[in-house]
Amino acid sequence: MKTENAKAQMRKGVLEYCILSVLSGGDCYASDIIRKLKDAELIVVEGTLYPLLTRLKNDGLLGYRWEESSQGPPRKYYRLTSEGEDFLKDLDGAWNELVEAVRQIRIKY
């Protein structure tokens, strides 16, 4: 397996967690989410983001509101629901456990 493919699969696996983490900082427009992920060097395109946002919304983890824009049509701003906040806390714990498990494996082997 090529390194780039493995890295892409790793990023794909944590993308949901990263989106929820971004939204834990406050409501965001989709392009703001993409920008924040890119700032962290996690490159995501709209074609990947929007289906994930829809699934997270359908799962009750996200809500949204419409806001008028001076530069075009109204914008949809996403936010974490209380269920989403609880889910993110669970993911935080799972992430920490995973990082520690990988660290232990790397140390031992």
Protein backbone atom coordinates (compact mmCIF):
# COMPACT_ATOMS: atom_id res chain seq x y z
CA MET A 1 0.00 0.00 0.00
CA LYS A 2 1.37 3.40 -0.91
CA THR A 3 1.91 5.94 1.85
CA GLU A 4 -0.41 8.56 0.33
CA ASN A 5 -3.27 6.06 0.16
CA ALA A 6 -2.73 5.02 3.78
CA LYS A 7 -2.63 8.66 4.87
CA ALA A 8 -5.84 9.40 2.97
CA GLN A 9 -7.59 6.49 4.69
CA MET A 10 -6.39 7.69 8.09
CA ARG A 11 -7.69 11.23 7.41
CA LYS A 12 -11.01 9.85 6.18
CA GLY A 13 -11.37 7.86 9.40
CA VAL A 14 -11.02 10.91 11.64
CA LEU A 15 -12.86 13.46 9.50
CA GLU A 16 -16.19 13.15 11.35
CA TYR A 17 -14.38 13.69 14.66
CA CYS A 18 -12.57 16.72 13.25
CA ILE A 19 -15.79 18.28 11.92
CA LEU A 20 -17.49 17.87 15.29
CA SER A 21 -14.41 19.32 16.98
CA VAL A 22 -14.48 22.39 14.72
CA LEU A 23 -18.16 22.92 15.48
CA SER A 24 -17.52 22.63 19.21
CA GLY A 25 -15.98 26.10 18.88
CA GLY A 26 -19.25 27.59 17.62
CA ASP A 27 -21.59 27.72 14.65
CA CYS A 28 -19.89 27.52 11.24
CA TYR A 29 -20.76 27.93 7.60
CA ALA A 30 -19.55 24.98 5.47
CA SER A 31 -16.79 26.99 3.82
CA ASP A 32 -15.58 28.04 7.29
CA ILE A 33 -15.35 24.37 8.29
CA ILE A 34 -13.33 23.61 5.16
CA ARG A 35 -11.01 26.56 5.84
CA LYS A 36 -10.42 25.51 9.46
CA LEU A 37 -9.68 21.95 8.41
CA LYS A 38 -7.27 23.22 5.73
CA ASP A 39 -5.60 25.46 8.31
CA ALA A 40 -4.88 22.26 10.24
CA GLU A 41 -3.55 20.70 7.01
CA LEU A 42 -6.53 18.34 6.71
CA ILE A 43 -7.58 18.98 3.13
CA VAL A 44 -11.29 18.40 2.50
CA VAL A 45 -13.41 19.24 -0.52
CA GLU A 46 -17.09 20.22 -0.55
CA GLY A 47 -18.02 16.92 -2.18
CA THR A 48 -16.72 15.12 0.91
CA LEU A 49 -17.95 17.60 3.52
CA TYR A 50 -21.60 18.04 2.56
CA PRO A 51 -22.57 14.34 2.70
CA LEU A 52 -20.91 14.08 6.12
CA LEU A 53 -22.75 17.17 7.39
CA THR A 54 -26.03 15.72 6.14
CA ARG A 55 -25.39 12.38 7.82
CA LEU A 56 -24.38 14.03 11.11
CA LYS A 57 -27.53 16.19 10.93
CA ASN A 58 -29.72 13.16 10.20
CA ASP A 59 -28.13 11.37 13.18
CA GLY A 60 -29.20 14.26 15.42
CA LEU A 61 -25.64 15.40 16.13
CA LEU A 62 -25.90 18.68 14.21
CA GLY A 63 -28.50 21.34 13.74
CA TYR A 64 -28.44 24.38 11.52
CA ARG A 65 -29.84 27.84 11.07
CA TRP A 66 -30.19 30.07 8.04
CA GLU A 67 -28.63 33.50 8.09
CA GLU A 68 -29.02 36.25 5.50
CA SER A 69 -25.85 37.14 3.64
CA SER A 70 -24.89 40.49 2.18
CA GLN A 71 -22.96 38.64 -0.52
CA GLY A 72 -25.62 36.36 -1.99
CA PRO A 73 -28.18 33.82 -0.86
CA PRO A 74 -28.80 32.95 2.80
CA ARG A 75 -26.16 30.75 4.42
CA LYS A 76 -26.68 27.59 6.42
CA TYR A 77 -24.71 27.65 9.68
CA TYR A 78 -24.16 24.30 11.39
CA ARG A 79 -23.99 23.78 15.14
CA LEU A 80 -23.57 20.89 17.55
CA THR A 81 -26.72 19.68 19.26
CA SER A 82 -26.56 18.59 22.89
CA GLU A 83 -26.49 15.01 21.58
CA GLY A 84 -23.60 16.02 19.33
CA GLU A 85 -21.73 17.50 22.29
CA ASP A 86 -22.16 14.25 24.23
CA PHE A 87 -21.09 12.23 21.20
CA LEU A 88 -17.99 14.40 20.81
CA LYS A 89 -17.05 13.81 24.45
CA ASP A 90 -17.32 10.06 23.83
CA LEU A 91 -15.15 10.42 20.72
CA ASP A 92 -12.59 12.40 22.74
CA GLY A 93 -12.24 9.44 25.09
CA ALA A 94 -12.08 6.95 22.22
CA TRP A 95 -9.47 9.08 20.44
CA ASN A 96 -7.28 9.26 23.55
CA GLU A 97 -7.53 5.49 24.00
CA LEU A 98 -6.62 4.90 20.36
CA VAL A 99 -3.65 7.26 20.46
CA GLU A 100 -2.37 5.57 23.62
CA ALA A 101 -2.82 2.09 22.13
CA VAL A 102 -0.90 3.06 18.99
CA ARG A 103 1.80 4.69 21.13
CA GLN A 104 2.16 1.49 23.17
CA ILE A 105 2.45 -0.62 20.03
CA ARG A 106 5.05 1.72 18.52
CA ILE A 107 7.10 1.61 21.75
CA LYS A 108 6.96 -2.17 22.11
CA TYR A 109 7.49 -3.21 18.53
